[in-house]
């Protein structure tokens, strides 16, 4: 499974929403993820995709859409 699909699967698990057609929807502005969900998302991304996401460098603006999350993870891989 590729990075994009893994990201979308994790987000669907956490939000209950299929974001395939909403790749640029702000998941924080629409309240699809709260702070606890965000922590879970980071843990799942690290576990499933083998990346380290430094919490000190986590900027919600850079992780606010499925497209941005995919790009950030790919940059860390």
N, C-alpha and C. Protein backbone atom coordinates (compact mmCIF):
# COMPACT_ATOMS: atom_id res chain seq x y z
N UNK A 1 0.84 -1.18 0.00
CA UNK A 1 0.00 0.00 0.00
C UNK A 1 0.89 1.25 0.00
N UNK A 2 0.51 2.24 -0.77
CA UNK A 2 1.35 3.43 -0.85
C UNK A 2 1.05 4.40 0.30
N UNK A 3 1.88 5.41 0.41
CA UNK A 3 1.79 6.37 1.51
C UNK A 3 0.43 7.05 1.55
N UNK A 4 -0.03 7.52 0.40
CA UNK A 4 -1.32 8.23 0.35
C UNK A 4 -2.45 7.34 0.86
N UNK A 5 -2.51 6.10 0.42
CA UNK A 5 -3.58 5.20 0.84
C UNK A 5 -3.48 4.91 2.34
N UNK A 6 -2.27 4.74 2.84
CA UNK A 6 -2.09 4.50 4.27
C UNK A 6 -2.57 5.70 5.07
N UNK A 7 -2.19 6.91 4.63
CA UNK A 7 -2.64 8.13 5.31
C UNK A 7 -4.17 8.20 5.29
N UNK A 8 -4.77 7.97 4.14
CA UNK A 8 -6.23 8.03 4.04
C UNK A 8 -6.91 6.98 4.91
N UNK A 9 -6.33 5.80 4.99
CA UNK A 9 -6.90 4.75 5.85
C UNK A 9 -6.83 5.14 7.32
N UNK A 10 -5.70 5.69 7.74
CA UNK A 10 -5.55 6.13 9.13
C UNK A 10 -6.55 7.23 9.43
N UNK A 11 -6.67 8.20 8.54
CA UNK A 11 -7.62 9.29 8.75
C UNK A 11 -9.06 8.80 8.79
N UNK A 12 -9.38 7.83 7.93
CA UNK A 12 -10.74 7.29 7.93
C UNK A 12 -11.04 6.57 9.24
N UNK A 13 -10.05 5.83 9.74
CA UNK A 13 -10.21 5.16 11.02
C UNK A 13 -10.49 6.15 12.14
N UNK A 14 -9.77 7.26 12.12
CA UNK A 14 -9.89 8.26 13.19
C UNK A 14 -11.11 9.15 13.06
N UNK A 15 -11.50 9.47 11.83
CA UNK A 15 -12.59 10.43 11.62
C UNK A 15 -13.92 9.80 11.23
N UNK A 16 -13.85 8.59 10.70
CA UNK A 16 -15.06 7.96 10.17
C UNK A 16 -15.44 8.51 8.81
N UNK A 17 -14.58 9.32 8.22
CA UNK A 17 -14.84 9.95 6.93
C UNK A 17 -13.89 9.41 5.86
N UNK A 18 -14.42 9.22 4.66
CA UNK A 18 -13.58 8.88 3.51
C UNK A 18 -13.12 10.19 2.89
N UNK A 19 -11.84 10.46 2.95
CA UNK A 19 -11.31 11.74 2.49
C UNK A 19 -10.68 11.67 1.10
N UNK A 20 -10.93 10.58 0.37
CA UNK A 20 -10.35 10.46 -0.97
C UNK A 20 -10.71 11.65 -1.85
N UNK A 21 -11.92 12.14 -1.75
CA UNK A 21 -12.38 13.27 -2.56
C UNK A 21 -12.25 14.60 -1.83
N UNK A 22 -11.64 14.58 -0.66
CA UNK A 22 -11.49 15.79 0.16
C UNK A 22 -10.04 15.95 0.61
N UNK A 23 -9.12 15.69 -0.29
CA UNK A 23 -7.70 15.70 0.05
C UNK A 23 -7.21 17.04 0.58
N UNK A 24 -7.90 18.13 0.21
CA UNK A 24 -7.47 19.46 0.63
C UNK A 24 -8.39 20.08 1.67
N UNK A 25 -9.26 19.27 2.27
CA UNK A 25 -10.14 19.76 3.32
C UNK A 25 -9.36 19.84 4.64
N UNK A 26 -9.48 20.97 5.32
CA UNK A 26 -8.77 21.18 6.58
C UNK A 26 -9.42 20.33 7.68
N UNK A 27 -8.72 19.30 8.12
CA UNK A 27 -9.29 18.37 9.10
C UNK A 27 -9.39 18.95 10.50
N UNK A 28 -8.68 20.04 10.74
CA UNK A 28 -8.77 20.70 12.04
C UNK A 28 -9.88 21.74 12.04
N UNK A 29 -9.97 22.52 10.96
CA UNK A 29 -11.01 23.55 10.86
C UNK A 29 -12.40 22.94 10.83
N UNK A 30 -12.51 21.74 10.25
CA UNK A 30 -13.81 21.07 10.18
C UNK A 30 -14.06 20.18 11.40
N UNK A 31 -13.13 20.21 12.35
CA UNK A 31 -13.23 19.45 13.60
C UNK A 31 -13.31 17.94 13.38
N UNK A 32 -12.71 17.46 12.29
CA UNK A 32 -12.65 16.02 12.08
C UNK A 32 -11.66 15.37 13.03
N UNK A 33 -10.61 16.12 13.41
CA UNK A 33 -9.63 15.62 14.38
C UNK A 33 -9.52 16.59 15.54
N UNK A 34 -9.48 16.04 16.75
CA UNK A 34 -9.17 16.87 17.91
C UNK A 34 -7.74 16.55 18.34
N UNK A 35 -7.31 17.12 19.44
CA UNK A 35 -5.91 16.95 19.84
C UNK A 35 -5.57 15.49 20.16
N UNK A 36 -6.49 14.77 20.77
CA UNK A 36 -6.22 13.34 21.07
C UNK A 36 -6.12 12.53 19.78
N UNK A 37 -7.00 12.84 18.82
CA UNK A 37 -6.94 12.15 17.52
C UNK A 37 -5.63 12.46 16.80
N UNK A 38 -5.16 13.68 16.97
CA UNK A 38 -3.91 14.08 16.32
C UNK A 38 -2.73 13.26 16.85
N UNK A 39 -2.71 13.06 18.16
CA UNK A 39 -1.66 12.23 18.76
C UNK A 39 -1.75 10.81 18.22
N UNK A 40 -2.97 10.28 18.14
CA UNK A 40 -3.17 8.93 17.62
C UNK A 40 -2.74 8.85 16.16
N UNK A 41 -3.05 9.88 15.38
CA UNK A 41 -2.65 9.92 13.97
C UNK A 41 -1.13 9.85 13.86
N UNK A 42 -0.44 10.67 14.64
CA UNK A 42 1.03 10.68 14.59
C UNK A 42 1.58 9.31 14.95
N UNK A 43 1.06 8.69 15.99
CA UNK A 43 1.53 7.36 16.40
C UNK A 43 1.29 6.33 15.30
N UNK A 44 0.12 6.37 14.67
CA UNK A 44 -0.19 5.43 13.59
C UNK A 44 0.70 5.65 12.38
N UNK A 45 0.92 6.91 12.03
CA UNK A 45 1.82 7.21 10.90
C UNK A 45 3.21 6.68 11.17
N UNK A 46 3.70 6.91 12.39
CA UNK A 46 5.04 6.43 12.74
C UNK A 46 5.11 4.91 12.67
N UNK A 47 4.11 4.25 13.22
CA UNK A 47 4.11 2.78 13.25
C UNK A 47 3.94 2.18 11.87
N UNK A 48 2.95 2.65 11.13
CA UNK A 48 2.62 2.03 9.85
C UNK A 48 3.56 2.42 8.71
N UNK A 49 4.14 3.62 8.80
CA UNK A 49 4.98 4.08 7.69
C UNK A 49 6.45 4.21 8.06
N UNK A 50 6.80 3.88 9.30
CA UNK A 50 8.19 3.86 9.70
C UNK A 50 8.89 5.20 9.68
N UNK A 51 8.17 6.25 10.03
CA UNK A 51 8.77 7.59 10.09
C UNK A 51 8.79 8.07 11.54
N UNK A 52 9.66 9.03 11.81
CA UNK A 52 9.70 9.69 13.11
C UNK A 52 9.19 11.11 12.90
N UNK A 53 8.14 11.47 13.62
CA UNK A 53 7.56 12.80 13.50
C UNK A 53 7.85 13.54 14.80
N UNK A 54 8.81 14.46 14.78
CA UNK A 54 9.17 15.19 16.00
C UNK A 54 8.01 16.10 16.43
N UNK A 55 7.50 15.86 17.62
CA UNK A 55 6.38 16.64 18.13
C UNK A 55 6.76 18.12 18.22
N UNK A 56 8.01 18.40 18.54
CA UNK A 56 8.46 19.79 18.66
C UNK A 56 8.38 20.54 17.32
N UNK A 57 8.38 19.81 16.23
CA UNK A 57 8.33 20.42 14.91
C UNK A 57 6.96 20.27 14.25
N UNK A 58 5.99 19.71 14.98
CA UNK A 58 4.66 19.50 14.41
C UNK A 58 3.91 20.82 14.38
N UNK A 59 3.62 21.29 13.18
CA UNK A 59 2.88 22.53 12.97
C UNK A 59 1.56 22.16 12.30
N UNK A 60 0.45 22.40 13.00
CA UNK A 60 -0.86 22.00 12.47
C UNK A 60 -1.12 22.52 11.07
N UNK A 61 -0.62 23.70 10.75
CA UNK A 61 -0.84 24.26 9.41
C UNK A 61 -0.19 23.39 8.33
N UNK A 62 0.92 22.75 8.67
CA UNK A 62 1.62 21.90 7.71
C UNK A 62 1.06 20.48 7.66
N UNK A 63 0.15 20.15 8.58
CA UNK A 63 -0.43 18.80 8.67
C UNK A 63 -1.96 18.87 8.63
N UNK A 64 -2.54 19.90 8.03
CA UNK A 64 -3.97 20.16 8.17
C UNK A 64 -4.86 19.50 7.13
N UNK A 65 -4.28 18.90 6.10
CA UNK A 65 -5.09 18.22 5.08
C UNK A 65 -4.44 16.87 4.76
N UNK A 66 -5.22 15.99 4.15
CA UNK A 66 -4.68 14.69 3.77
C UNK A 66 -3.52 14.86 2.78
N UNK A 67 -3.63 15.84 1.89
CA UNK A 67 -2.54 16.10 0.93
C UNK A 67 -1.27 16.53 1.65
N UNK A 68 -1.41 17.44 2.61
CA UNK A 68 -0.24 17.93 3.34
C UNK A 68 0.36 16.83 4.21
N UNK A 69 -0.48 16.02 4.83
CA UNK A 69 0.02 14.91 5.66
C UNK A 69 0.83 13.95 4.79
N UNK A 70 0.28 13.61 3.65
CA UNK A 70 0.99 12.70 2.72
C UNK A 70 2.34 13.30 2.33
N UNK A 71 2.36 14.57 1.98
CA UNK A 71 3.62 15.23 1.58
C UNK A 71 4.62 15.26 2.72
N UNK A 72 4.16 15.54 3.93
CA UNK A 72 5.06 15.59 5.09
C UNK A 72 5.65 14.21 5.37
N UNK A 73 4.82 13.18 5.32
CA UNK A 73 5.30 11.82 5.57
C UNK A 73 6.31 11.41 4.50
N UNK A 74 5.99 11.71 3.24
CA UNK A 74 6.91 11.36 2.15
C UNK A 74 8.25 12.08 2.32
N UNK A 75 8.23 13.30 2.81
CA UNK A 75 9.47 14.04 3.03
C UNK A 75 10.30 13.41 4.16
N UNK A 76 9.64 12.78 5.11
CA UNK A 76 10.32 12.14 6.24
C UNK A 76 10.83 10.73 5.90
N UNK A 77 10.30 10.14 4.86
CA UNK A 77 10.68 8.77 4.52
C UNK A 77 12.03 8.71 3.85
